[in-house]
């Protein structure tokens, strides 16, 4: 792999970035959430990661799926009061720098990304909440540093778990030649059409209709950023082929069996990435796993955030009283 992969730098002062930031602020305000934004410097590769922090109390580390935008967790965060939620914008998303995922080892990138943020926020042992691709990244980090993860919540099918892969239309994004026609379709043409893509991830029209316009606005503006499409296209191209998952990155049963932490699966019965049979298999393989099924798609925390939050609260227990935060290294508030 390339030790110096192409990096797409983000300029937070250009008009596209400013529009995305303004939309993000409106979205969090819709849910009554005050948040902080931090820049964390990552060394391998040299990326600037943008991290969102909401709330006070014991920490939870959150790793989003899809392209990697942390804003998507806002509805869930509104139902997890009493916790200090630290959500990573993965490379290429949410005003983090982008990278060509085909030029790196994606598993190593995942582990380095999460470890860098955990170190910056002094998260020596912490629960991790992940979704889809973020769920896969969370598993990789847990397998690499089991002593640093106290428990896990996996919302939706973790990417490439067991014999799963992305739906066929999404796998085409990573196919050279074809992707120049397919990939642009992943960037919404208007705010009004932005949430339509959720139907292809299993969300019901009823759940989509309940989402505020602010959700469409923030997604639309984040997906216009220059980092978004190239990073997302390269990620799909790295981890998937036309026929299915790249074998190098599959999350196999023998890896799942190594996870000893308590684990809560929250899985939609209309998850197009992996059905409930996959969920039951994974729950059976992982020694301390349990399953909560919901009538949602891949994104239960977005489709039905109140129920998802209640399940997570029951699993993690009542948060302790907030503790004064210690010193943090390599974190720059923005």
Protein backbone atom coordinates (compact mmCIF):
# COMPACT_ATOMS: atom_id res chain seq x y z
CA UNK A 1 0.00 0.00 0.00
CA UNK A 2 1.04 3.60 -0.60
CA UNK A 3 2.68 5.19 2.45
CA UNK A 4 1.75 8.60 1.06
CA UNK A 5 -1.77 8.17 -0.36
CA UNK A 6 -3.51 11.05 -2.11
CA UNK A 7 -5.17 13.29 0.49
CA UNK A 8 -8.10 15.59 -0.27
CA UNK A 9 -7.70 18.58 2.03
CA UNK A 10 -10.80 20.34 3.28
CA UNK A 11 -10.95 24.11 3.60
CA UNK A 12 -13.47 24.96 6.29
CA UNK A 13 -13.60 28.58 5.15
CA UNK A 14 -14.81 28.03 1.59
CA UNK A 15 -18.51 28.56 0.76
CA UNK A 16 -19.35 24.84 0.49
CA UNK A 17 -17.85 24.15 3.91
CA UNK A 18 -19.58 27.14 5.47
CA UNK A 19 -22.93 26.05 4.07
CA UNK A 20 -22.38 22.55 5.44
CA UNK A 21 -21.43 23.88 8.87
CA UNK A 22 -24.48 26.14 9.01
CA UNK A 23 -26.76 23.24 8.05
CA UNK A 24 -25.14 21.03 10.68
CA UNK A 25 -25.74 23.66 13.34
CA UNK A 26 -29.42 23.91 12.37
CA UNK A 27 -29.77 20.13 12.52
CA UNK A 28 -28.30 19.80 16.01
CA UNK A 29 -30.34 22.80 17.17
CA UNK A 30 -33.51 21.07 15.92
CA UNK A 31 -32.87 18.38 18.54
CA UNK A 32 -31.88 20.89 21.22
CA UNK A 33 -28.26 19.71 21.21
CA UNK A 34 -25.28 21.92 21.93
CA UNK A 35 -22.13 20.47 20.44
CA UNK A 36 -18.42 21.12 20.16
CA UNK A 37 -16.31 20.54 17.08
CA UNK A 38 -12.66 19.46 17.34
CA UNK A 39 -9.84 18.86 14.88
CA UNK A 40 -7.62 15.87 15.64
CA UNK A 41 -4.36 15.41 13.76
CA UNK A 42 -3.73 11.88 12.52
CA UNK A 43 -0.23 10.77 11.53
CA UNK A 44 -0.72 7.61 9.46
CA UNK A 45 -1.81 8.86 7.00
CA UNK A 46 -1.53 12.56 7.76
CA UNK A 47 -5.17 13.57 7.96
CA UNK A 48 -7.14 16.13 9.91
CA UNK A 49 -10.13 14.43 11.48
CA UNK A 50 -13.14 16.43 12.63
CA UNK A 51 -14.81 15.12 15.77
CA UNK A 52 -18.18 16.09 17.26
CA UNK A 53 -18.70 16.14 21.03
CA UNK A 54 -22.13 16.30 22.67
CA UNK A 55 -23.12 16.12 26.32
CA UNK A 56 -21.34 15.47 29.61
CA UNK A 57 -20.76 12.38 31.69
CA UNK A 58 -19.08 9.05 31.00
CA UNK A 59 -17.88 8.83 27.39
CA UNK A 60 -19.24 6.89 24.44
CA UNK A 61 -17.24 6.70 21.20
CA UNK A 62 -19.43 6.71 18.08
CA UNK A 63 -18.40 5.62 14.57
CA UNK A 64 -20.89 6.33 11.75
CA UNK A 65 -21.52 4.21 8.68
CA UNK A 66 -21.94 5.15 5.03
CA UNK A 67 -19.50 7.81 3.93
CA UNK A 68 -18.83 8.51 7.62
CA UNK A 69 -20.75 11.68 8.62
CA UNK A 70 -21.21 12.10 12.37
CA UNK A 71 -24.23 14.42 12.04
CA UNK A 72 -26.39 11.37 11.36
CA UNK A 73 -26.27 10.49 15.08
CA UNK A 74 -28.01 13.70 16.23
CA UNK A 75 -31.51 12.16 16.61
CA UNK A 76 -30.05 9.34 18.71
CA UNK A 77 -27.91 11.70 20.79
CA UNK A 78 -31.08 13.48 21.89
CA UNK A 79 -32.09 10.23 23.63
CA UNK A 80 -28.74 9.55 25.31
CA UNK A 81 -28.57 12.41 27.78
CA UNK A 82 -26.16 11.90 30.66
CA UNK A 83 -23.42 10.63 28.38
CA UNK A 84 -20.50 12.43 26.76
CA UNK A 85 -20.81 11.36 23.14
CA UNK A 86 -17.73 11.63 20.92
CA UNK A 87 -18.55 11.01 17.26
CA UNK A 88 -15.91 10.64 14.55
CA UNK A 89 -16.31 12.05 11.07
CA UNK A 90 -14.47 9.33 9.18
CA UNK A 91 -11.95 10.34 6.48
CA UNK A 92 -13.79 12.05 3.62
CA UNK A 93 -16.90 12.93 5.61
CA UNK A 94 -18.18 15.72 7.83
CA UNK A 95 -15.33 18.14 7.04
CA UNK A 96 -12.58 15.64 7.80
CA UNK A 97 -9.87 15.40 5.17
CA UNK A 98 -10.48 12.81 2.48
CA UNK A 99 -8.29 9.94 1.32
CA UNK A 100 -8.14 7.51 -1.59
CA UNK A 101 -9.09 4.30 0.24
CA UNK A 102 -7.73 2.20 -2.63
CA UNK A 103 -4.22 3.46 -1.79
CA UNK A 104 -4.30 2.37 1.86
CA UNK A 105 -5.04 -0.73 3.88
CA UNK A 106 -8.58 0.13 4.96
CA UNK A 107 -8.42 -2.02 8.08
CA UNK A 108 -5.26 -0.28 9.24
CA UNK A 109 -6.80 3.10 8.40
CA UNK A 110 -9.83 2.20 10.51
CA UNK A 111 -7.78 1.14 13.51
CA UNK A 112 -5.50 4.18 13.26
CA UNK A 113 -8.47 6.54 12.93
CA UNK A 114 -10.27 5.27 16.00
CA UNK A 115 -7.09 4.92 18.06
CA UNK A 116 -6.03 8.49 17.18
CA UNK A 117 -9.35 9.88 18.40
CA UNK A 118 -9.41 7.65 21.48
CA UNK A 119 -5.91 8.81 22.42
CA UNK A 120 -6.77 12.46 21.81
CA UNK A 121 -9.76 12.27 24.15
CA UNK A 122 -8.08 10.04 26.78
CA UNK A 123 -10.49 7.19 26.09
CA UNK A 124 -8.49 4.36 27.59
CA UNK A 125 -11.50 2.05 27.94
CA UNK A 126 -14.81 3.07 26.43
CA UNK A 127 -18.08 1.74 24.97
CA UNK A 128 -18.24 1.99 21.17
CA UNK A 129 -21.42 2.57 19.18
CA UNK A 130 -21.15 1.86 15.45
CA UNK A 131 -23.25 1.47 12.33
CA UNK A 132 -22.61 -0.35 9.04
CA UNK A 133 -19.10 0.61 7.81
CA UNK A 134 -18.53 2.28 11.17
CA UNK A 135 -19.58 -0.99 12.76
CA UNK A 136 -16.94 -2.86 10.78
CA UNK A 137 -14.32 -0.27 11.76
CA UNK A 138 -15.39 -0.66 15.41
CA UNK A 139 -14.95 -4.44 15.23
CA UNK A 140 -11.48 -4.04 13.72
CA UNK A 141 -10.49 -1.62 16.48
CA UNK A 142 -11.88 -3.92 19.18
CA UNK A 143 -9.96 -6.89 17.78
CA UNK A 144 -6.76 -4.81 17.66
CA UNK A 145 -7.19 -3.22 21.12
CA UNK A 146 -9.61 -5.37 23.14
CA UNK A 147 -8.44 -3.83 26.42
CA UNK A 148 -9.63 -0.38 25.26
CA UNK A 149 -13.25 -1.34 24.51
CA UNK A 150 -15.59 -2.04 27.41
CA UNK A 151 -18.69 -2.91 25.37
CA UNK A 152 -20.13 -2.47 21.90
CA UNK A 153 -23.42 -1.45 20.30
CA UNK A 154 -23.84 -2.39 16.65
CA UNK A 155 -26.78 -0.65 14.96
CA UNK A 156 -27.71 -2.31 11.68
CA UNK A 157 -25.70 -4.92 9.82
CA UNK A 158 -21.95 -4.32 10.22
CA UNK A 159 -20.43 -3.92 6.77
CA UNK A 160 -19.05 -7.15 5.26
CA UNK A 161 -20.07 -9.24 8.28
CA UNK A 162 -20.20 -12.98 7.59
CA UNK A 163 -21.29 -13.37 3.96
CA UNK A 164 -22.85 -9.95 3.48
CA UNK A 165 -21.90 -7.14 1.13
CA UNK A 166 -23.34 -3.91 -0.21
CA UNK A 167 -26.35 -4.13 -2.54
CA UNK A 168 -25.44 -4.57 -6.20
CA UNK A 169 -26.22 -0.97 -7.21
CA UNK A 170 -23.83 0.30 -4.55
CA UNK A 171 -21.05 -2.09 -5.54
CA UNK A 172 -21.12 -0.54 -9.00
CA UNK A 173 -19.83 2.70 -7.45
CA UNK A 174 -16.40 1.16 -7.13
CA UNK A 175 -16.14 -0.32 -10.64
CA UNK A 176 -13.75 1.69 -12.85
CA UNK A 177 -15.46 3.02 -15.96
CA UNK A 178 -18.97 2.22 -14.75
CA UNK A 179 -18.58 4.33 -11.63
CA UNK A 180 -18.32 7.58 -13.57
CA UNK A 181 -21.99 7.06 -14.45
CA UNK A 182 -23.16 5.52 -11.19
CA UNK A 183 -21.24 7.48 -8.53
CA UNK A 184 -22.71 10.91 -9.35
CA UNK A 185 -26.14 9.48 -8.53
CA UNK A 186 -25.00 9.25 -4.91
CA UNK A 187 -24.84 13.04 -4.72
CA UNK A 188 -28.35 14.51 -4.31
CA UNK A 189 -29.46 17.07 -6.88
CA UNK A 190 -31.61 19.06 -4.43
CA UNK A 191 -32.52 19.27 -0.76
CA UNK A 192 -35.99 17.94 -1.56
CA UNK A 193 -34.59 14.72 -3.04
CA UNK A 194 -31.85 14.13 -0.49
CA UNK A 195 -33.70 11.74 1.82
CA UNK A 196 -35.05 9.60 -1.02
CA UNK A 197 -31.91 7.48 -0.87
CA UNK A 198 -32.92 6.21 2.57
CA UNK A 199 -35.54 4.00 0.92
CA UNK A 200 -32.74 2.01 -0.69
CA UNK A 201 -31.31 1.39 2.78
CA UNK A 202 -34.60 -0.06 4.01
CA UNK A 203 -36.17 2.98 5.71
CA UNK A 204 -39.94 3.15 5.40
CA UNK A 205 -41.59 6.15 3.79
CA UNK A 206 -43.41 6.74 7.08
CA UNK A 207 -40.12 7.01 8.98
CA UNK A 208 -38.62 9.24 6.28
CA UNK A 209 -41.64 11.56 6.37
CA UNK A 210 -41.13 12.11 10.11
CA UNK A 211 -37.59 13.39 9.60
CA UNK A 212 -37.18 17.18 9.75
CA UNK A 213 -36.22 19.27 6.74
CA UNK A 214 -33.01 20.07 8.63
CA UNK A 215 -31.97 16.43 8.09
CA UNK A 216 -32.25 16.82 4.33
CA UNK A 217 -30.43 20.14 4.41
CA UNK A 218 -27.40 18.93 6.34
CA UNK A 219 -27.08 15.77 4.26
CA UNK A 220 -27.40 17.73 1.02
CA UNK A 221 -24.69 20.22 1.96
CA UNK A 222 -22.30 17.64 3.42
CA UNK A 223 -22.61 15.59 0.24
CA UNK A 224 -21.61 18.59 -1.90
CA UNK A 225 -18.19 18.80 -0.24
CA UNK A 226 -15.22 17.94 -2.50
CA UNK A 227 -14.11 15.18 -0.12
CA UNK A 228 -17.40 13.28 -0.17
CA UNK A 229 -17.79 11.59 -3.53
CA UNK A 230 -14.16 10.69 -4.21
CA UNK A 231 -13.61 9.26 -0.72
CA UNK A 232 -16.88 7.32 -0.76
CA UNK A 233 -16.28 5.98 -4.27
CA UNK A 234 -12.77 4.85 -3.40
CA UNK A 235 -13.95 3.20 -0.17
CA UNK A 236 -16.57 1.11 -1.94
CA UNK A 237 -14.04 0.26 -4.63
CA UNK A 238 -11.57 -0.92 -1.99
CA UNK A 239 -13.85 -3.13 0.11
CA UNK A 240 -16.24 -4.52 -2.49
CA UNK A 241 -16.27 -6.01 -5.98
CA UNK A 242 -19.12 -6.53 -8.44
CA UNK A 243 -19.60 -10.04 -7.06
CA UNK A 244 -19.48 -9.15 -3.36
CA UNK A 245 -17.16 -8.27 -0.51
CA UNK A 246 -13.42 -8.03 -1.00
CA UNK A 247 -12.23 -11.21 0.81
CA UNK A 248 -9.34 -9.27 2.37
CA UNK A 249 -11.80 -7.17 4.37
CA UNK A 250 -14.58 -9.62 5.19
CA UNK A 251 -15.57 -9.91 8.84
CA UNK A 252 -15.61 -13.68 9.20
CA UNK A 253 -17.07 -15.91 11.89
CA UNK A 254 -13.67 -16.68 13.40
CA UNK A 255 -13.07 -12.96 13.95
CA UNK A 256 -16.49 -12.44 15.52
CA UNK A 257 -15.83 -15.32 17.90
CA UNK A 258 -12.83 -13.43 19.30
CA UNK A 259 -15.00 -10.55 20.54
CA UNK A 260 -15.47 -11.07 24.27
CA UNK A 261 -17.01 -7.71 25.21
CA UNK A 262 -20.73 -7.45 25.92
CA UNK A 263 -22.36 -6.55 22.62
CA UNK A 264 -25.83 -5.27 21.78
CA UNK A 265 -27.05 -5.70 18.21
CA UNK A 266 -29.92 -3.40 17.16
CA UNK A 267 -31.02 -4.70 13.78
CA UNK A 268 -33.82 -3.72 11.39
CA UNK A 269 -35.97 -6.43 9.87
CA UNK A 270 -35.75 -4.59 6.54
CA UNK A 271 -31.97 -4.12 6.57
CA UNK A 272 -30.94 -4.52 2.92
CA UNK A 273 -27.29 -5.21 3.84
CA UNK A 274 -28.02 -8.24 6.01
CA UNK A 275 -31.29 -9.81 7.16
CA UNK A 276 -32.25 -11.06 10.59
CA UNK A 277 -30.84 -14.52 9.82
CA UNK A 278 -27.42 -12.87 9.62
CA UNK A 279 -28.17 -11.04 12.87
CA UNK A 280 -29.02 -14.31 14.63
CA UNK A 281 -25.88 -15.99 13.30
CA UNK A 282 -23.70 -13.15 14.53
CA UNK A 283 -25.43 -13.12 17.93
CA UNK A 284 -24.85 -16.86 18.26
CA UNK A 285 -21.15 -16.61 17.33
CA UNK A 286 -20.20 -13.75 19.66
CA UNK A 287 -20.11 -15.10 23.25
CA UNK A 288 -21.68 -12.09 25.00
CA UNK A 289 -23.97 -10.74 22.28
CA UNK A 290 -27.68 -10.04 22.39
CA UNK A 291 -30.10 -8.98 19.68
CA UNK A 292 -32.90 -6.42 19.57
CA UNK A 293 -34.85 -6.50 16.30
CA UNK A 294 -36.81 -3.48 15.06
CA UNK A 295 -39.12 -2.69 12.12
CA UNK A 296 -36.52 -0.49 10.41
CA UNK A 297 -33.84 -0.59 7.73
CA UNK A 298 -30.06 -0.28 8.07
CA UNK A 299 -30.40 2.88 10.21
CA UNK A 300 -32.58 2.09 13.25
CA UNK A 301 -31.16 5.10 15.12
CA UNK A 302 -32.41 7.38 12.34
CA UNK A 303 -35.68 5.61 11.56
CA UNK A 304 -36.72 5.18 15.21
CA UNK A 305 -34.24 7.00 17.46
CA UNK A 306 -36.36 6.90 20.63
CA UNK A 307 -36.55 3.10 20.74
CA UNK A 308 -32.90 2.77 19.72
CA UNK A 309 -31.86 5.13 22.51
CA UNK A 310 -33.91 3.19 25.06
CA UNK A 311 -32.22 -0.08 24.06
CA UNK A 312 -28.76 1.49 24.34
CA UNK A 313 -29.57 3.02 27.74
CA UNK A 314 -30.79 -0.34 29.04
CA UNK A 315 -27.66 -2.05 27.72
CA UNK A 316 -25.11 0.47 29.01
CA UNK A 317 -26.90 1.16 32.28
CA UNK A 318 -27.50 4.46 34.03
CA UNK A 319 -24.61 6.87 33.44
CA UNK A 320 -22.69 7.97 36.48
CA UNK A 321 -22.52 11.60 37.49
CA UNK A 322 -20.30 13.65 35.15
CA UNK A 323 -16.63 13.62 36.08
CA UNK A 324 -14.31 16.56 35.45
CA UNK A 325 -12.51 15.93 32.18
CA UNK A 326 -8.76 15.48 32.34
CA UNK A 327 -6.28 17.09 30.03
CA UNK A 328 -6.54 16.11 26.39
CA UNK A 329 -3.74 15.83 23.89
CA UNK A 330 -3.79 16.82 20.22
CA UNK A 331 -7.33 18.16 20.24
CA UNK A 332 -7.99 21.59 18.77
CA UNK A 333 -11.50 23.03 19.19
CA UNK A 334 -12.85 24.80 16.11
